[in-house]
Structures are given as structure tokens and as C-alpha cells.
C-alpha atoms as a PDB file:
ATOM      1  CA  MET A   1       7.624  36.507  10.410  1.00  0.00           C
ATOM      2  CA  SER A   2      10.278  36.202  13.076  1.00  0.00           C
ATOM      3  CA  PHE A   3      11.475  32.930  14.578  1.00  0.00           C
ATOM      4  CA  THR A   4      10.012  34.125  17.892  1.00  0.00           C
ATOM      5  CA  ASP A   5       6.524  33.801  16.401  1.00  0.00           C
ATOM      6  CA  SER A   6       7.274  30.466  14.782  1.00  0.00           C
ATOM      7  CA  PRO A   7       5.776  27.182  16.056  1.00  0.00           C
ATOM      8  CA  LEU A   8       9.328  25.820  15.931  1.00  0.00           C
ATOM      9  CA  LYS A   9      10.386  28.055  18.818  1.00  0.00           C
ATOM     10  CA  GLY A  10      11.912  26.003  21.602  1.00  0.00           C
ATOM     11  CA  LEU A  11      12.415  22.900  19.462  1.00  0.00           C
ATOM     12  CA  ARG A  12      15.556  20.912  20.126  1.00  0.00           C
ATOM     13  CA  PRO A  13      16.580  19.623  16.682  1.00  0.00           C
ATOM     14  CA  PHE A  14      19.281  17.245  17.886  1.00  0.00           C
ATOM     15  CA  SER A  15      17.067  15.652  20.524  1.00  0.00           C
ATOM     16  CA  SER A  16      14.198  15.280  18.059  1.00  0.00           C
ATOM     17  CA  ARG A  17      16.383  13.688  15.398  1.00  0.00           C
ATOM     18  CA  ARG A  18      17.823  11.334  17.965  1.00  0.00           C
ATOM     19  CA  ALA A  19      14.343  10.387  19.145  1.00  0.00           C
ATOM     20  CA  LEU A  20      13.157   9.666  15.626  1.00  0.00           C
ATOM     21  CA  ALA A  21      16.258   7.638  14.762  1.00  0.00           C
ATOM     22  CA  VAL A  22      15.946   5.522  17.902  1.00  0.00           C
ATOM     23  CA  TRP A  23      12.216   5.026  17.331  1.00  0.00           C
ATOM     24  CA  ARG A  24      12.715   3.864  13.746  1.00  0.00           C
ATOM     25  CA  LYS A  25      15.502   1.484  14.790  1.00  0.00           C
ATOM     26  CA  ARG A  26      13.352  -0.076  17.471  1.00  0.00           C
ATOM     27  CA  PHE A  27      10.327  -0.327  15.203  1.00  0.00           C
ATOM     28  CA  LEU A  28      12.264  -2.106  12.478  1.00  0.00           C
ATOM     29  CA  LEU A  29      13.435  -4.815  14.866  1.00  0.00           C
ATOM     30  CA  ARG A  30      11.143  -7.801  14.873  1.00  0.00           C
ATOM     31  CA  HIS A  31      10.522  -8.015  18.593  1.00  0.00           C
ATOM     32  CA  LYS A  32       7.483  -6.525  20.255  1.00  0.00           C
ATOM     33  CA  SER A  33       9.120  -6.332  23.672  1.00  0.00           C
ATOM     34  CA  LEU A  34      11.392  -3.586  22.381  1.00  0.00           C
ATOM     35  CA  LEU A  35       8.362  -1.329  22.074  1.00  0.00           C
ATOM     36  CA  ILE A  36       7.456  -1.600  25.748  1.00  0.00           C
ATOM     37  CA  PRO A  37       9.624   1.372  26.852  1.00  0.00           C
ATOM     38  CA  LEU A  38       7.676   3.559  24.437  1.00  0.00           C
ATOM     39  CA  LEU A  39       4.428   2.797  26.239  1.00  0.00           C
ATOM     40  CA  LYS A  40       5.499   5.178  28.998  1.00  0.00           C
ATOM     41  CA  CYS A  41       4.784   8.024  26.546  1.00  0.00           C
ATOM     42  CA  SER A  42       1.468   9.828  26.374  1.00  0.00           C
ATOM     43  CA  PRO A  43       0.283  12.813  24.287  1.00  0.00           C
ATOM     44  CA  THR A  44       1.166  15.227  27.103  1.00  0.00           C
ATOM     45  CA  THR A  45       3.885  13.602  29.170  1.00  0.00           C
ATOM     46  CA  CYS A  46       6.756  11.241  28.560  1.00  0.00           C
ATOM     47  CA  THR A  47       9.159   9.500  30.882  1.00  0.00           C
ATOM     48  CA  TRP A  48      11.172   7.758  28.196  1.00  0.00           C
ATOM     49  CA  PRO A  49      14.767   9.120  28.262  1.00  0.00           C
ATOM     50  CA  PHE A  50      14.815   9.980  24.564  1.00  0.00           C
ATOM     51  CA  CYS A  51      11.834  12.342  24.825  1.00  0.00           C
ATOM     52  CA  PRO A  52      13.378  15.472  26.403  1.00  0.00           C
ATOM     53  CA  THR A  53      11.026  17.807  24.566  1.00  0.00           C
ATOM     54  CA  GLY A  54       7.774  16.680  26.183  1.00  0.00           C
ATOM     55  CA  PRO A  55       5.323  15.279  23.611  1.00  0.00           C
ATOM     56  CA  ALA A  56       8.149  14.679  21.133  1.00  0.00           C
ATOM     57  CA  ILE A  57       8.260  13.042  17.750  1.00  0.00           C
ATOM     58  CA  ILE A  58       7.778   9.453  18.853  1.00  0.00           C
ATOM     59  CA  CYS A  59       4.837  10.393  21.059  1.00  0.00           C
ATOM     60  CA  LEU A  60       2.616  11.592  18.240  1.00  0.00           C
ATOM     61  CA  SER A  61      -0.486   9.652  19.083  1.00  0.00           C
ATOM     62  CA  GLY A  62       0.355   8.377  22.528  1.00  0.00           C
ATOM     63  CA  ARG A  63      -0.656   4.861  23.412  1.00  0.00           C
ATOM     64  CA  SER A  64      -3.070   4.458  20.496  1.00  0.00           C
ATOM     65  CA  THR A  65      -0.376   4.797  17.816  1.00  0.00           C
ATOM     66  CA  LEU A  66       2.016   2.524  19.683  1.00  0.00           C
ATOM     67  CA  MET A  67      -0.647  -0.120  20.202  1.00  0.00           C
ATOM     68  CA  ALA A  68      -1.445   0.145  16.489  1.00  0.00           C
ATOM     69  CA  GLY A  69       2.234  -0.421  15.771  1.00  0.00           C
ATOM     70  CA  MET A  70       2.242  -3.531  17.914  1.00  0.00           C
ATOM     71  CA  ALA A  71      -0.881  -4.756  16.120  1.00  0.00           C
ATOM     72  CA  TYR A  72       0.911  -4.313  12.796  1.00  0.00           C
ATOM     73  CA  LEU A  73       3.859  -6.316  14.126  1.00  0.00           C
ATOM     74  CA  SER A  74       1.565  -9.118  15.237  1.00  0.00           C
ATOM     75  CA  SER A  75      -0.284  -9.171  11.913  1.00  0.00           C
ATOM     76  CA  MET A  76       2.944  -9.263   9.938  1.00  0.00           C
ATOM     77  CA  GLU A  77       4.286 -12.149  11.975  1.00  0.00           C
ATOM     78  CA  ALA A  78       1.074 -14.095  11.400  1.00  0.00           C
ATOM     79  CA  ILE A  79       1.108 -13.432   7.647  1.00  0.00           C
ATOM     80  CA  GLN A  80       4.792 -14.344   7.372  1.00  0.00           C
ATOM     81  CA  THR A  81       4.195 -17.611   9.225  1.00  0.00           C
ATOM     82  CA  ARG A  82       1.437 -18.574   6.779  1.00  0.00           C
ATOM     83  CA  LEU A  83       3.639 -17.684   3.815  1.00  0.00           C
ATOM     84  CA  ASP A  84       6.536 -19.727   5.196  1.00  0.00           C
ATOM     85  CA  THR A  85       4.286 -22.780   5.493  1.00  0.00           C
ATOM     86  CA  ASN A  86       2.740 -22.308   2.013  1.00  0.00           C
ATOM     87  CA  GLN A  87      -0.684 -21.573   3.437  1.00  0.00           C
ATOM     88  CA  GLU A  88      -3.160 -19.365   1.596  1.00  0.00           C
ATOM     89  CA  VAL A  89      -3.232 -15.760   2.786  1.00  0.00           C
ATOM     90  CA  ALA A  90      -5.894 -13.147   2.198  1.00  0.00           C
ATOM     91  CA  GLY A  91      -5.869  -9.478   2.958  1.00  0.00           C
ATOM     92  CA  GLU A  92      -4.829  -6.143   1.546  1.00  0.00           C
ATOM     93  CA  TYR A  93      -1.839  -3.906   2.312  1.00  0.00           C
ATOM     94  CA  LEU A  94       0.317  -6.117   4.536  1.00  0.00           C
ATOM     95  CA  THR A  95      -0.511  -9.249   2.593  1.00  0.00           C
ATOM     96  CA  TYR A  96       0.440  -7.608  -0.690  1.00  0.00           C
ATOM     97  CA  LEU A  97       3.753  -6.326   0.647  1.00  0.00           C
ATOM     98  CA  LEU A  98       4.779  -9.670   2.074  1.00  0.00           C
ATOM     99  CA  SER A  99       3.442 -11.992  -0.616  1.00  0.00           C
ATOM    100  CA  SER A 100       4.811  -9.987  -3.553  1.00  0.00           C
ATOM    101  CA  GLY A 101       8.345 -11.069  -2.694  1.00  0.00           C
ATOM    102  CA  LYS A 102       9.668  -7.716  -3.902  1.00  0.00           C
ATOM    103  CA  MET A 103      10.299  -6.299  -0.436  1.00  0.00           C
ATOM    104  CA  SER A 104      12.248  -7.655   2.476  1.00  0.00           C
ATOM    105  CA  CYS A 105      10.717  -7.777   5.934  1.00  0.00           C
ATOM    106  CA  LYS A 106      12.860  -4.806   6.879  1.00  0.00           C
ATOM    107  CA  ASP A 107      11.479  -2.839   3.925  1.00  0.00           C
ATOM    108  CA  VAL A 108       7.933  -3.801   4.876  1.00  0.00           C
ATOM    109  CA  TYR A 109       8.462  -2.648   8.455  1.00  0.00           C
ATOM    110  CA  GLY A 110       9.764   0.650   7.134  1.00  0.00           C
ATOM    111  CA  SER A 111       6.685   1.027   4.934  1.00  0.00           C
ATOM    112  CA  VAL A 112       4.368   0.268   7.848  1.00  0.00           C
ATOM    113  CA  SER A 113       6.121   2.796  10.078  1.00  0.00           C
ATOM    114  CA  GLU A 114       5.569   5.447   7.419  1.00  0.00           C
ATOM    115  CA  VAL A 115       1.883   4.512   7.273  1.00  0.00           C
ATOM    116  CA  LEU A 116       1.605   5.019  11.027  1.00  0.00           C
ATOM    117  CA  LEU A 117       3.531   8.294  11.038  1.00  0.00           C
ATOM    118  CA  ALA A 118       1.989   9.794   7.911  1.00  0.00           C
ATOM    119  CA  GLY A 119      -1.545   8.456   7.909  1.00  0.00           C
ATOM    120  CA  VAL A 120      -2.905   9.052  11.400  1.00  0.00           C
ATOM    121  CA  ASP A 121      -2.124  12.461  12.878  1.00  0.00           C
ATOM    122  CA  THR A 122      -1.927  14.211   9.523  1.00  0.00           C
ATOM    123  CA  THR A 123      -5.575  14.067   8.455  1.00  0.00           C
ATOM    124  CA  SER A 124      -6.963  14.274  11.995  1.00  0.00           C
ATOM    125  CA  ASN A 125      -4.965  17.404  12.808  1.00  0.00           C
ATOM    126  CA  THR A 126      -5.930  19.059   9.538  1.00  0.00           C
ATOM    127  CA  MET A 127      -9.594  18.314  10.204  1.00  0.00           C
ATOM    128  CA  LEU A 128      -9.264  19.796  13.671  1.00  0.00           C
ATOM    129  CA  TRP A 129      -7.745  23.011  12.269  1.00  0.00           C
ATOM    130  CA  ALA A 130     -10.417  23.201   9.551  1.00  0.00           C
ATOM    131  CA  LEU A 131     -13.270  22.887  12.043  1.00  0.00           C
ATOM    132  CA  TYR A 132     -11.635  25.424  14.345  1.00  0.00           C
ATOM    133  CA  LEU A 133     -11.176  27.951  11.519  1.00  0.00           C
ATOM    134  CA  LEU A 134     -14.753  27.495  10.303  1.00  0.00           C
ATOM    135  CA  SER A 135     -16.118  27.930  13.805  1.00  0.00           C
ATOM    136  CA  LYS A 136     -14.310  31.279  13.989  1.00  0.00           C
ATOM    137  CA  ASP A 137     -15.630  32.389  10.578  1.00  0.00           C
ATOM    138  CA  PRO A 138     -19.443  32.041  10.390  1.00  0.00           C
ATOM    139  CA  ALA A 139     -19.574  33.592   6.895  1.00  0.00           C
ATOM    140  CA  ALA A 140     -17.192  31.022   5.430  1.00  0.00           C
ATOM    141  CA  GLN A 141     -19.035  28.256   7.265  1.00  0.00           C
ATOM    142  CA  GLU A 142     -22.368  29.374   5.829  1.00  0.00           C
ATOM    143  CA  THR A 143     -20.912  29.575   2.312  1.00  0.00           C
ATOM    144  CA  LEU A 144     -19.644  26.026   2.678  1.00  0.00           C
ATOM    145  CA  HIS A 145     -22.969  24.821   4.080  1.00  0.00           C
ATOM    146  CA  GLN A 146     -24.890  26.346   1.173  1.00  0.00           C
ATOM    147  CA  GLU A 147     -22.569  24.688  -1.333  1.00  0.00           C
ATOM    148  CA  VAL A 148     -22.792  21.282   0.312  1.00  0.00           C
ATOM    149  CA  THR A 149     -26.600  21.344   0.670  1.00  0.00           C
ATOM    150  CA  LYS A 150     -26.949  22.423  -2.962  1.00  0.00           C
ATOM    151  CA  VAL A 151     -24.977  19.419  -4.193  1.00  0.00           C
ATOM    152  CA  LEU A 152     -26.118  16.862  -1.618  1.00  0.00           C
ATOM    153  CA  LYS A 153     -29.861  16.351  -1.537  1.00  0.00           C
ATOM    154  CA  GLY A 154     -31.244  14.385   1.346  1.00  0.00           C
ATOM    155  CA  ASP A 155     -29.381  12.684   4.154  1.00  0.00           C
ATOM    156  CA  ARG A 156     -26.672  10.771   2.343  1.00  0.00           C
ATOM    157  CA  ILE A 157     -22.902  10.526   2.168  1.00  0.00           C
ATOM    158  CA  PRO A 158     -21.251  12.391  -0.737  1.00  0.00           C
ATOM    159  CA  THR A 159     -19.494  10.491  -3.480  1.00  0.00           C
ATOM    160  CA  ALA A 160     -16.037  11.246  -4.810  1.00  0.00           C
ATOM    161  CA  GLU A 161     -17.604  12.610  -8.005  1.00  0.00           C
ATOM    162  CA  GLU A 162     -19.796  15.020  -6.066  1.00  0.00           C
ATOM    163  CA  VAL A 163     -16.776  16.402  -4.243  1.00  0.00           C
ATOM    164  CA  ASN A 164     -15.551  17.760  -7.592  1.00  0.00           C
ATOM    165  CA  SER A 165     -18.710  19.880  -7.706  1.00  0.00           C
ATOM    166  CA  MET A 166     -17.839  21.593  -4.423  1.00  0.00           C
ATOM    167  CA  PRO A 167     -14.897  23.950  -5.089  1.00  0.00           C
ATOM    168  CA  PHE A 168     -15.341  25.899  -1.864  1.00  0.00           C
ATOM    169  CA  LEU A 169     -15.054  22.655   0.110  1.00  0.00           C
ATOM    170  CA  LYS A 170     -11.718  21.965  -1.549  1.00  0.00           C
ATOM    171  CA  ALA A 171     -10.661  25.571  -0.982  1.00  0.00           C
ATOM    172  CA  VAL A 172     -11.360  25.282   2.764  1.00  0.00           C
ATOM    173  CA  ILE A 173      -9.021  22.307   3.093  1.00  0.00           C
ATOM    174  CA  LYS A 174      -6.393  23.953   0.897  1.00  0.00           C
ATOM    175  CA  GLU A 175      -6.497  27.166   2.932  1.00  0.00           C
ATOM    176  CA  THR A 176      -6.357  25.192   6.178  1.00  0.00           C
ATOM    177  CA  LEU A 177      -3.214  23.432   4.969  1.00  0.00           C
ATOM    178  CA  ARG A 178      -1.730  26.786   3.959  1.00  0.00           C
ATOM    179  CA  LEU A 179      -2.242  28.231   7.428  1.00  0.00           C
ATOM    180  CA  TYR A 180      -1.333  25.026   9.241  1.00  0.00           C
ATOM    181  CA  PRO A 181       0.792  22.756   7.027  1.00  0.00           C
ATOM    182  CA  VAL A 182       0.913  19.294   8.537  1.00  0.00           C
ATOM    183  CA  VAL A 183       4.689  19.158   8.279  1.00  0.00           C
ATOM    184  CA  PRO A 184       5.901  22.769   8.644  1.00  0.00           C
ATOM    185  CA  VAL A 185       9.528  21.952   7.829  1.00  0.00           C
ATOM    186  CA  ASN A 186      11.351  19.165   6.020  1.00  0.00           C
ATOM    187  CA  SER A 187      14.544  18.627   4.040  1.00  0.00           C
ATOM    188  CA  ARG A 188      15.698  17.178   0.764  1.00  0.00           C
ATOM    189  CA  LEU A 189      19.145  15.973  -0.343  1.00  0.00           C
ATOM    190  CA  ILE A 190      20.498  16.528  -3.858  1.00  0.00           C
ATOM    191  CA  ALA A 191      21.780  13.023  -4.440  1.00  0.00           C
ATOM    192  CA  GLU A 192      22.400  12.760  -8.188  1.00  0.00           C
ATOM    193  CA  SER A 193      24.225  15.844  -9.435  1.00  0.00           C
ATOM    194  CA  GLU A 194      24.943  19.492  -8.767  1.00  0.00           C
ATOM    195  CA  VAL A 195      22.296  22.091  -9.662  1.00  0.00           C
ATOM    196  CA  ILE A 196      22.265  25.797 -10.429  1.00  0.00           C
ATOM    197  CA  ILE A 197      19.407  27.837  -8.975  1.00  0.00           C
ATOM    198  CA  GLY A 198      19.483  31.470  -9.958  1.00  0.00           C
ATOM    199  CA  GLU A 199      23.126  32.492  -9.775  1.00  0.00           C
ATOM    200  CA  TYR A 200      24.030  29.945  -7.127  1.00  0.00           C
ATOM    201  CA  LEU A 201      25.730  26.589  -7.604  1.00  0.00           C
ATOM    202  CA  PHE A 202      24.770  23.812  -5.204  1.00  0.00           C
ATOM    203  CA  PRO A 203      27.105  20.801  -5.291  1.00  0.00           C
ATOM    204  CA  LYS A 204      26.028  17.208  -5.132  1.00  0.00           C
ATOM    205  CA  LYS A 205      24.855  15.977  -1.695  1.00  0.00           C
ATOM    206  CA  THR A 206      23.677  19.448  -0.619  1.00  0.00           C
ATOM    207  CA  THR A 207      20.821  19.343   1.876  1.00  0.00           C
ATOM    208  CA  PHE A 208      17.978  21.840   1.482  1.00  0.00           C
ATOM    209  CA  ASN A 209      15.838  22.664   4.512  1.00  0.00           C
ATOM    210  CA  LEU A 210      12.371  23.830   3.484  1.00  0.00           C
ATOM    211  CA  PHE A 211      10.321  25.906   5.935  1.00  0.00           C
ATOM    212  CA  HIS A 212       6.811  25.463   4.529  1.00  0.00           C
ATOM    213  CA  TYR A 213       5.200  27.384   7.357  1.00  0.00           C
ATOM    214  CA  ALA A 214       7.142  30.550   6.541  1.00  0.00           C
ATOM    215  CA  ILE A 215       6.647  30.166   2.780  1.00  0.00           C
ATOM    216  CA  SER A 216       2.883  29.765   3.067  1.00  0.00           C
ATOM    217  CA  HIS A 217       2.696  32.850   5.317  1.00  0.00           C
ATOM    218  CA  ASP A 218       4.660  35.096   2.966  1.00  0.00           C
ATOM    219  CA  GLU A 219       2.597  38.251   2.404  1.00  0.00           C
ATOM    220  CA  LYS A 220       4.253  38.728  -0.988  1.00  0.00           C
ATOM    221  CA  VAL A 221       2.512  35.564  -2.159  1.00  0.00           C
ATOM    222  CA  PHE A 222      -0.566  35.604   0.083  1.00  0.00           C
ATOM    223  CA  PRO A 223      -2.025  39.031   0.907  1.00  0.00           C
ATOM    224  CA  GLU A 224      -3.282  39.065   4.511  1.00  0.00           C
ATOM    225  CA  PRO A 225      -1.471  35.792   5.172  1.00  0.00           C
ATOM    226  CA  GLN A 226      -2.785  35.380   8.714  1.00  0.00           C
ATOM    227  CA  LYS A 227      -6.429  35.516   7.598  1.00  0.00           C
ATOM    228  CA  PHE A 228      -8.502  32.465   6.761  1.00  0.00           C
ATOM    229  CA  LYS A 229      -9.648  33.178   3.191  1.00  0.00           C
ATOM    230  CA  PRO A 230     -10.650  30.006   1.307  1.00  0.00           C
ATOM    231  CA  GLU A 231     -11.923  32.092  -1.607  1.00  0.00           C
ATOM    232  CA  ARG A 232      -8.356  32.927  -2.586  1.00  0.00           C
ATOM    233  CA  TRP A 233      -8.115  29.425  -4.126  1.00  0.00           C
ATOM    234  CA  LEU A 234     -11.302  29.543  -6.204  1.00  0.00           C
ATOM    235  CA  ARG A 235     -11.067  29.373  -9.989  1.00  0.00           C
ATOM    236  CA  ASP A 236     -13.626  32.118 -10.639  1.00  0.00           C
ATOM    237  CA  GLY A 237     -11.532  34.568 -12.599  1.00  0.00           C
ATOM    238  CA  ARG A 238      -9.710  36.126  -9.669  1.00  0.00           C
ATOM    239  CA  THR A 239      -5.932  36.247  -9.424  1.00  0.00           C
ATOM    240  CA  ARG A 240      -4.880  33.081  -7.651  1.00  0.00           C
ATOM    241  CA  PRO A 241      -1.711  32.628  -5.571  1.00  0.00           C
ATOM    242  CA  ASN A 242       1.404  30.998  -6.922  1.00  0.00           C
ATOM    243  CA  PRO A 243       0.669  27.253  -6.670  1.00  0.00           C
ATOM    244  CA  PHE A 244       4.144  26.677  -5.224  1.00  0.00           C
ATOM    245  CA  GLY A 245       3.439  29.130  -2.406  1.00  0.00           C
ATOM    246  CA  SER A 246       1.774  26.318  -0.500  1.00  0.00           C
ATOM    247  CA  ILE A 247       2.770  22.705  -1.179  1.00  0.00           C
ATOM    248  CA  PRO A 248       1.833  20.826   2.026  1.00  0.00           C
ATOM    249  CA  PHE A 249       2.036  17.475   0.219  1.00  0.00           C
ATOM    250  CA  GLY A 250       5.330  18.238  -1.473  1.00  0.00           C
ATOM    251  CA  PHE A 251       5.867  18.067  -5.223  1.00  0.00           C
ATOM    252  CA  GLY A 252       7.410  15.758  -7.784  1.00  0.00           C
ATOM    253  CA  VAL A 253       8.600  12.189  -7.315  1.00  0.00           C
ATOM    254  CA  ARG A 254       9.010  12.638  -3.547  1.00  0.00           C
ATOM    255  CA  ALA A 255       5.529  14.064  -3.041  1.00  0.00           C
ATOM    256  CA  CYS A 256       3.159  12.408  -0.577  1.00  0.00           C
ATOM    257  CA  VAL A 257       1.894   9.187  -2.140  1.00  0.00           C
ATOM    258  CA  GLY A 258      -1.258   9.306  -0.028  1.00  0.00           C
ATOM    259  CA  ARG A 259      -2.271  12.820  -1.054  1.00  0.00           C
ATOM    260  CA  ARG A 260      -5.382  11.921  -3.055  1.00  0.00           C
ATOM    261  CA  ILE A 261      -6.658   9.529  -0.417  1.00  0.00           C
ATOM    262  CA  ALA A 262      -6.026  12.036   2.379  1.00  0.00           C
ATOM    263  CA  GLU A 263      -7.723  14.862   0.504  1.00  0.00           C
ATOM    264  CA  LEU A 264     -10.729  12.727  -0.370  1.00  0.00           C
ATOM    265  CA  GLU A 265     -11.017  11.547   3.217  1.00  0.00           C
ATOM    266  CA  MET A 266     -11.025  15.120   4.527  1.00  0.00           C
ATOM    267  CA  HIS A 267     -13.400  16.371   1.834  1.00  0.00           C
ATOM    268  CA  LEU A 268     -15.932  13.625   2.533  1.00  0.00           C
ATOM    269  CA  ALA A 269     -15.707  14.021   6.303  1.00  0.00           C
ATOM    270  CA  LEU A 270     -15.993  17.802   6.255  1.00  0.00           C
ATOM    271  CA  ALA A 271     -18.917  17.746   3.813  1.00  0.00           C
ATOM    272  CA  ARG A 272     -20.772  15.327   6.056  1.00  0.00           C
ATOM    273  CA  LEU A 273     -20.072  17.308   9.218  1.00  0.00           C
ATOM    274  CA  ILE A 274     -20.980  20.698   7.777  1.00  0.00           C
ATOM    275  CA  LYS A 275     -24.269  19.340   6.443  1.00  0.00           C
ATOM    276  CA  LEU A 276     -25.334  17.951   9.792  1.00  0.00           C
ATOM    277  CA  PHE A 277     -23.846  20.431  12.254  1.00  0.00           C
ATOM    278  CA  GLU A 278     -23.022  24.055  12.780  1.00  0.00           C
ATOM    279  CA  MET A 279     -19.643  24.531  14.452  1.00  0.00           C
ATOM    280  CA  ARG A 280     -19.341  27.158  17.146  1.00  0.00           C
ATOM    281  CA  PRO A 281     -16.201  28.002  19.135  1.00  0.00           C
ATOM    282  CA  ASP A 282     -15.959  27.668  22.875  1.00  0.00           C
ATOM    283  CA  PRO A 283     -15.589  31.280  24.114  1.00  0.00           C
ATOM    284  CA  THR A 284     -13.513  30.114  27.072  1.00  0.00           C
ATOM    285  CA  VAL A 285     -10.748  28.685  24.858  1.00  0.00           C
ATOM    286  CA  GLY A 286      -9.450  31.965  23.434  1.00  0.00           C
ATOM    287  CA  GLU A 287      -6.835  32.159  20.708  1.00  0.00           C
ATOM    288  CA  VAL A 288      -5.280  28.874  19.659  1.00  0.00           C
ATOM    289  CA  LYS A 289      -1.711  28.875  18.393  1.00  0.00           C
ATOM    290  CA  ALA A 290       0.335  26.181  16.699  1.00  0.00           C
ATOM    291  CA  ASN A 291       3.102  24.110  18.221  1.00  0.00           C
ATOM    292  CA  PHE A 292       5.506  21.893  16.298  1.00  0.00           C
ATOM    293  CA  ARG A 293       5.431  18.270  17.469  1.00  0.00           C
ATOM    294  CA  SER A 294       6.597  16.598  14.252  1.00  0.00           C
ATOM    295  CA  VAL A 295       3.205  17.707  12.935  1.00  0.00           C
ATOM    296  CA  LEU A 296       1.605  21.073  13.642  1.00  0.00           C
ATOM    297  CA  VAL A 297      -0.721  20.753  16.637  1.00  0.00           C
ATOM    298  CA  PRO A 298      -2.733  23.214  18.767  1.00  0.00           C
ATOM    299  CA  ASN A 299      -1.012  24.604  21.843  1.00  0.00           C
ATOM    300  CA  LYS A 300      -4.100  23.900  23.934  1.00  0.00           C
ATOM    301  CA  LYS A 301      -7.220  21.792  23.998  1.00  0.00           C
ATOM    302  CA  VAL A 302      -9.686  22.906  21.329  1.00  0.00           C
ATOM    303  CA  ASN A 303     -13.335  22.740  22.353  1.00  0.00           C
ATOM    304  CA  LEU A 304     -16.042  23.157  19.728  1.00  0.00           C
ATOM    305  CA  HIS A 305     -19.842  23.150  20.009  1.00  0.00           C
ATOM    306  CA  PHE A 306     -21.570  21.007  17.380  1.00  0.00           C
ATOM    307  CA  VAL A 307     -25.117  22.332  16.983  1.00  0.00           C
ATOM    308  CA  GLU A 308     -27.394  20.006  15.038  1.00  0.00           C
ATOM    309  CA  ARG A 309     -28.943  21.691  12.026  1.00  0.00           C
ATOM    310  CA  GLN A 310     -32.653  21.595  11.431  1.00  0.00           C
ATOM    311  CA  LYS A 311     -33.694  19.501   8.449  1.00  0.00           C
ATOM    312  CA  THR A 312     -35.410  21.775   5.946  1.00  0.00           C
ATOM    313  CA  GLU A 313     -35.125  19.618   2.817  1.00  0.00           C
ATOM    314  CA  THR A 314     -38.018  17.550   1.590  1.00  0.00           C
END
């Protein structure tokens, strides 16, 4: 695959890094007014001077993400005030971070910013790609529907245990992430010591840039890499791909900490949707390609027809 065909074509790395650095600096400061300039950004346009690439990194979710960030700031200030005055506090994530005393406010703000960046657009974009791919492949959609209806009797929400009985459901999400990894490129720094890989020596503090999109489209690892083939991941005796050919959540100690929650969320949502609706593509949309906007997003609006299924179960 050439760079011309890559979703990274046209990206301005320096501008994007600068935008992200400025965004993080502003978010970590405990003053809501500093976020006001960001409110000029929307998912399609941006007038903020550090967004020269259109819908750039800091404009991931438009106003909704920024308003969520301001809500987090307000909640944290309220919790901190109660802690400072020895009042009882109740809650979950924010309360735990602040009341534990193991993290400074700056560390907590950093954690919250990662929640916003990593927990919103990631699952929603993957679900969008999965529904789009299924709408274009009626056979795969029918296979998934048969599996879900076999496991789920009646009109009810699946449990986490029942998801384990639906391997094709898991394969659909895994294949979707192979074709459209949420983060198509990232980097890692060797911080502790030098390493030898093959016949090459990499000294300490070497930065590795990992292009997941190219790796997961390598025809040497995935025959017919451009085709949506969830069955390639099934454990039914067939030869399966190298598990490191597609690692959208990373691997090891720096892997995504929210992987299991994200996967379960997508499995449950997709199982529910496929049981209730048949997805059909909008013929006027045409081919949808991927663009890199910190996460991999469609290059155009994706319209799908959700056709309610007839209830045949008793």
C-alpha cells in the first residue's frame, strides 16, 4: 500500500502535535475560561488558530466533547471543595481519584483528559465502521443475525456471559478494527535500555513509530486484506492470522486499559442492534474511505437504513 492511498495523506504532523500539546496544556490548567477559545471548533470547521488541518486533533467531538470536558472540570472542583472542608463525598471515578490522595490534581486532570480522548470517539467510530461493513455484506450480516438469535431468546439484552457464546460477533468487531484501527499510527519510546531486534541495535531513547493501518493491511499476513472477512478470526480449525498482525489496543504494559470495557460495550450494542434491525446501505453514499483525524473517521457522511425485523420467536 502506497502512502498515496493512506488515510494519513495530507496530514501535517507538526501542526497536529502542536495542537495536541496546546490542548493538553490548556486542559490541565484549572480554569474553565481557558477552554472558551476551543468552543469555536466544530466537527467540520474550526476557526481556532491552532487547528490548521480542519477537523484536527482537538476537534474530535466538536462542542459535545468540549462541554463534557468543562463538566468534568466543574465536577472536580466541587469534589475538591468538599474534600478540603472534610465533607463526605460519594461517587465513582472522579471521587476515587481525588479522595485516594495518591494522585495530584494535575495527574487527575491528565487522567480525565485521556478518558475524554480515548473513551468517546473510539467505540462510536468502530461501531459506525462495523455497521457500515455489515450493511455492505448481507451474507455476513445474516450469519451474525442467526448466531445472535440462536443465543438470545426473546426480546432481552445479552449478558457478558452470553457474548462468549457468540464467536462471530467477536470476529466482526475484530475484523472491523483490523480494517479500520481506531488509532492507525502511534509511537513508543525505549526508555530503559537498548534492545536488539533481529540484527539491528536500537540504543536507549529510540522512538519507534508504528503504522498499524499498514500492518493490518499486509497481504502477507491477511490474504485479501481489503475484504471484510470476519471468519478469518474464528477458532474452527482454520489457519488464523498472526495475532500480532492486528493489535488495535496495543500490547503489554502500555496496552489500552479500557480494552475489555470497550469490547464488551461494542459486543453488547452490536448484538442488540443486529437482533432488532437489518442494516442496509444508502445507495447514494457510494464508497466510503477513511481519513485520519487522530482517530480513523469516514471521509463523508455515512447514511444507513435500519429496517425493523419481524418478530418470529415465540
